[in-house]
C-alpha atoms as a PDB file:
ATOM      1  CA  UNK A   1     -11.115  17.272  -8.364  1.00  0.00           C
ATOM      2  CA  UNK A   2      -8.387  14.793  -7.447  1.00  0.00           C
ATOM      3  CA  UNK A   3      -4.788  15.343  -8.454  1.00  0.00           C
ATOM      4  CA  UNK A   4      -3.344  12.411 -10.333  1.00  0.00           C
ATOM      5  CA  UNK A   5       0.306  11.630 -10.619  1.00  0.00           C
ATOM      6  CA  UNK A   6       1.818  11.100 -14.016  1.00  0.00           C
ATOM      7  CA  UNK A   7       2.017   7.496 -15.171  1.00  0.00           C
ATOM      8  CA  UNK A   8       5.501   6.142 -14.532  1.00  0.00           C
ATOM      9  CA  UNK A   9       5.769   2.472 -15.584  1.00  0.00           C
ATOM     10  CA  UNK A  10       8.923   1.929 -13.557  1.00  0.00           C
ATOM     11  CA  UNK A  11       7.243   3.243 -10.402  1.00  0.00           C
ATOM     12  CA  UNK A  12       4.005   1.322 -11.007  1.00  0.00           C
ATOM     13  CA  UNK A  13       5.920  -1.955 -11.347  1.00  0.00           C
ATOM     14  CA  UNK A  14       8.106  -1.415  -8.264  1.00  0.00           C
ATOM     15  CA  UNK A  15       7.028  -3.527  -5.300  1.00  0.00           C
ATOM     16  CA  UNK A  16       5.301  -1.631  -2.532  1.00  0.00           C
ATOM     17  CA  UNK A  17       4.043  -2.745   0.872  1.00  0.00           C
ATOM     18  CA  UNK A  18       1.167  -1.733   3.140  1.00  0.00           C
ATOM     19  CA  UNK A  19       0.878  -2.824   6.750  1.00  0.00           C
ATOM     20  CA  UNK A  20      -2.366  -2.389   8.693  1.00  0.00           C
ATOM     21  CA  UNK A  21      -2.433  -1.487  12.365  1.00  0.00           C
ATOM     22  CA  UNK A  22      -3.986  -4.928  13.008  1.00  0.00           C
ATOM     23  CA  UNK A  23      -0.809  -6.606  11.709  1.00  0.00           C
ATOM     24  CA  UNK A  24      -2.090  -7.657   8.281  1.00  0.00           C
ATOM     25  CA  UNK A  25       0.216  -6.719   5.440  1.00  0.00           C
ATOM     26  CA  UNK A  26       0.543  -7.098   1.719  1.00  0.00           C
ATOM     27  CA  UNK A  27       3.207  -6.393  -0.872  1.00  0.00           C
ATOM     28  CA  UNK A  28       3.310  -6.400  -4.652  1.00  0.00           C
ATOM     29  CA  UNK A  29       2.587  -4.135  -7.561  1.00  0.00           C
ATOM     30  CA  UNK A  30       0.627  -0.944  -7.012  1.00  0.00           C
ATOM     31  CA  UNK A  31      -2.576  -2.405  -8.461  1.00  0.00           C
ATOM     32  CA  UNK A  32      -2.274  -5.627  -6.425  1.00  0.00           C
ATOM     33  CA  UNK A  33      -1.602  -3.799  -3.177  1.00  0.00           C
ATOM     34  CA  UNK A  34      -4.457  -1.334  -3.703  1.00  0.00           C
ATOM     35  CA  UNK A  35      -6.898  -4.179  -4.439  1.00  0.00           C
ATOM     36  CA  UNK A  36      -5.789  -6.306  -1.484  1.00  0.00           C
ATOM     37  CA  UNK A  37      -5.754  -3.383   0.959  1.00  0.00           C
ATOM     38  CA  UNK A  38      -9.175  -2.185  -0.164  1.00  0.00           C
ATOM     39  CA  UNK A  39     -10.625  -5.689   0.263  1.00  0.00           C
ATOM     40  CA  UNK A  40      -8.996  -6.093   3.693  1.00  0.00           C
ATOM     41  CA  UNK A  41     -10.306  -2.738   4.897  1.00  0.00           C
ATOM     42  CA  UNK A  42     -13.853  -3.490   3.822  1.00  0.00           C
ATOM     43  CA  UNK A  43     -14.027  -7.092   5.021  1.00  0.00           C
ATOM     44  CA  UNK A  44     -12.130  -6.825   8.297  1.00  0.00           C
ATOM     45  CA  UNK A  45     -12.624  -3.209   9.417  1.00  0.00           C
ATOM     46  CA  UNK A  46     -15.784  -2.162   7.541  1.00  0.00           C
ATOM     47  CA  UNK A  47     -13.799   0.782   6.152  1.00  0.00           C
ATOM     48  CA  UNK A  48     -13.369   2.094   2.624  1.00  0.00           C
ATOM     49  CA  UNK A  49     -10.237   3.843   1.442  1.00  0.00           C
ATOM     50  CA  UNK A  50      -9.585   5.518  -1.870  1.00  0.00           C
ATOM     51  CA  UNK A  51      -6.690   4.484  -4.075  1.00  0.00           C
ATOM     52  CA  UNK A  52      -4.904   7.719  -3.115  1.00  0.00           C
ATOM     53  CA  UNK A  53      -5.386   7.028   0.608  1.00  0.00           C
ATOM     54  CA  UNK A  54      -3.982   3.514   0.240  1.00  0.00           C
ATOM     55  CA  UNK A  55      -1.004   4.718  -1.772  1.00  0.00           C
ATOM     56  CA  UNK A  56      -0.306   7.371   0.876  1.00  0.00           C
ATOM     57  CA  UNK A  57       0.171   4.514   3.388  1.00  0.00           C
ATOM     58  CA  UNK A  58       2.371   2.488   1.051  1.00  0.00           C
ATOM     59  CA  UNK A  59       6.133   2.338   1.195  1.00  0.00           C
ATOM     60  CA  UNK A  60       8.596   0.785  -1.196  1.00  0.00           C
ATOM     61  CA  UNK A  61       8.837  -2.855  -0.081  1.00  0.00           C
ATOM     62  CA  UNK A  62      12.584  -2.598   0.591  1.00  0.00           C
ATOM     63  CA  UNK A  63      12.188   0.603   2.654  1.00  0.00           C
ATOM     64  CA  UNK A  64       9.632  -0.862   5.026  1.00  0.00           C
ATOM     65  CA  UNK A  65      11.675  -4.040   5.504  1.00  0.00           C
ATOM     66  CA  UNK A  66      14.743  -2.050   6.475  1.00  0.00           C
ATOM     67  CA  UNK A  67      12.621   0.150   8.778  1.00  0.00           C
ATOM     68  CA  UNK A  68      11.322  -2.973  10.522  1.00  0.00           C
ATOM     69  CA  UNK A  69      14.900  -4.225  10.997  1.00  0.00           C
ATOM     70  CA  UNK A  70      15.852  -0.889  12.581  1.00  0.00           C
ATOM     71  CA  UNK A  71      12.882  -0.879  14.973  1.00  0.00           C
ATOM     72  CA  UNK A  72      12.429  -4.629  15.424  1.00  0.00           C
END
């Protein structure tokens, strides 16, 4: 059984970002990012990830941008 988080419309609409180790990245709503990341993983890396696995890699879009500025 998979734990599901409670639906929070504000959180679901907040932009998130995922960056792959290969350099590909995407940002947008939760649903858009999950769909794009899933498609990228299957087409480019022949890998499948669950929605929960993809969301575990995701960061708020603003947080990842500021992290890149700190390390870049």
